[in-house]
Amino acid sequence: MGLVPQPAIRDVKPIGKLPTVFDGDRSKFKGFLDKLRRYFLLNHQVPALQSYLTRIALALTLIQGPLVKEWA
């Protein structure tokens, strides 16, 4: 019985632009969240972004400023 060739593992890298930093302005939150969801959808094949922990950590790095300092 012969060996079955395995498909090559592709080095998939993230594409697209991350959303701008969310500074705690509630009027901008929906836009921030929509952009973050689209970024994750666009990069669903990137191995690192398949982890929920990595997605959460990335989202938290994009939440900065005095209004959200203690929360994030």
Protein backbone atom coordinates (compact mmCIF):
# COMPACT_ATOMS: atom_id res chain seq x y z
CA MET A 1 0.00 0.00 0.00
CA GLY A 2 1.46 3.37 -1.03
CA LEU A 3 1.70 6.53 1.00
CA VAL A 4 -1.01 9.12 0.51
CA PRO A 5 0.46 12.57 -0.16
CA GLN A 6 -0.59 15.24 2.33
CA PRO A 7 -1.63 18.67 1.11
CA ALA A 8 0.99 21.37 1.63
CA ILE A 9 0.46 23.53 4.71
CA ARG A 10 0.08 27.11 3.59
CA ASP A 11 1.53 29.96 5.56
CA VAL A 12 -1.63 32.08 5.75
CA LYS A 13 -0.99 35.63 6.92
CA PRO A 14 -3.55 38.22 8.08
CA ILE A 15 -4.82 40.65 5.46
CA GLY A 16 -6.76 43.87 5.72
CA LYS A 17 -6.54 46.75 8.13
CA LEU A 18 -7.26 46.46 11.84
CA PRO A 19 -9.94 48.81 13.15
CA THR A 20 -8.74 51.99 14.78
CA VAL A 21 -8.31 51.94 18.54
CA PHE A 22 -11.56 52.19 20.52
CA ASP A 23 -11.12 54.88 23.17
CA GLY A 24 -14.34 54.38 25.10
CA ASP A 25 -16.58 56.74 23.10
CA ARG A 26 -19.85 54.81 23.20
CA SER A 27 -21.13 56.45 20.02
CA LYS A 28 -18.26 54.75 18.12
CA PHE A 29 -18.54 51.29 19.68
CA LYS A 30 -20.89 49.72 17.12
CA GLY A 31 -18.63 50.81 14.27
CA PHE A 32 -15.57 49.46 16.07
CA LEU A 33 -17.24 46.12 16.74
CA ASP A 34 -18.48 45.81 13.14
CA LYS A 35 -14.96 46.47 11.78
CA LEU A 36 -13.44 43.97 14.23
CA ARG A 37 -15.95 41.28 13.20
CA ARG A 38 -15.21 41.91 9.50
CA TYR A 39 -11.47 41.67 10.18
CA PHE A 40 -11.92 38.29 11.89
CA LEU A 41 -14.19 37.08 9.09
CA LEU A 42 -11.70 38.16 6.42
CA ASN A 43 -8.91 36.33 8.26
CA HIS A 44 -10.80 33.19 9.31
CA GLN A 45 -8.15 30.94 7.72
CA VAL A 46 -5.24 32.47 9.65
CA PRO A 47 -4.30 29.79 12.20
CA ALA A 48 -3.57 32.25 15.03
CA LEU A 49 -6.95 33.95 14.59
CA GLN A 50 -8.84 30.68 14.88
CA SER A 51 -8.23 30.77 18.62
CA TYR A 52 -10.83 32.62 20.69
CA LEU A 53 -8.17 33.57 23.22
CA THR A 54 -6.08 35.23 20.51
CA ARG A 55 -9.13 37.09 19.18
CA ILE A 56 -9.96 38.36 22.66
CA ALA A 57 -6.36 39.43 23.29
CA LEU A 58 -6.26 41.26 19.95
CA ALA A 59 -9.55 43.02 20.69
CA LEU A 60 -8.28 44.09 24.11
CA THR A 61 -5.13 45.57 22.61
CA LEU A 62 -7.39 47.75 20.45
CA ILE A 63 -9.30 49.08 23.48
CA GLN A 64 -7.21 51.85 25.02
CA GLY A 65 -7.54 55.20 26.72
CA PRO A 66 -8.56 56.74 30.02
CA LEU A 67 -12.27 55.88 29.61
CA VAL A 68 -11.56 52.15 29.27
CA LYS A 69 -8.25 51.83 31.13
CA GLU A 70 -9.63 49.98 34.13
CA TRP A 71 -12.06 47.85 32.11
CA ALA A 72 -9.60 46.58 29.50
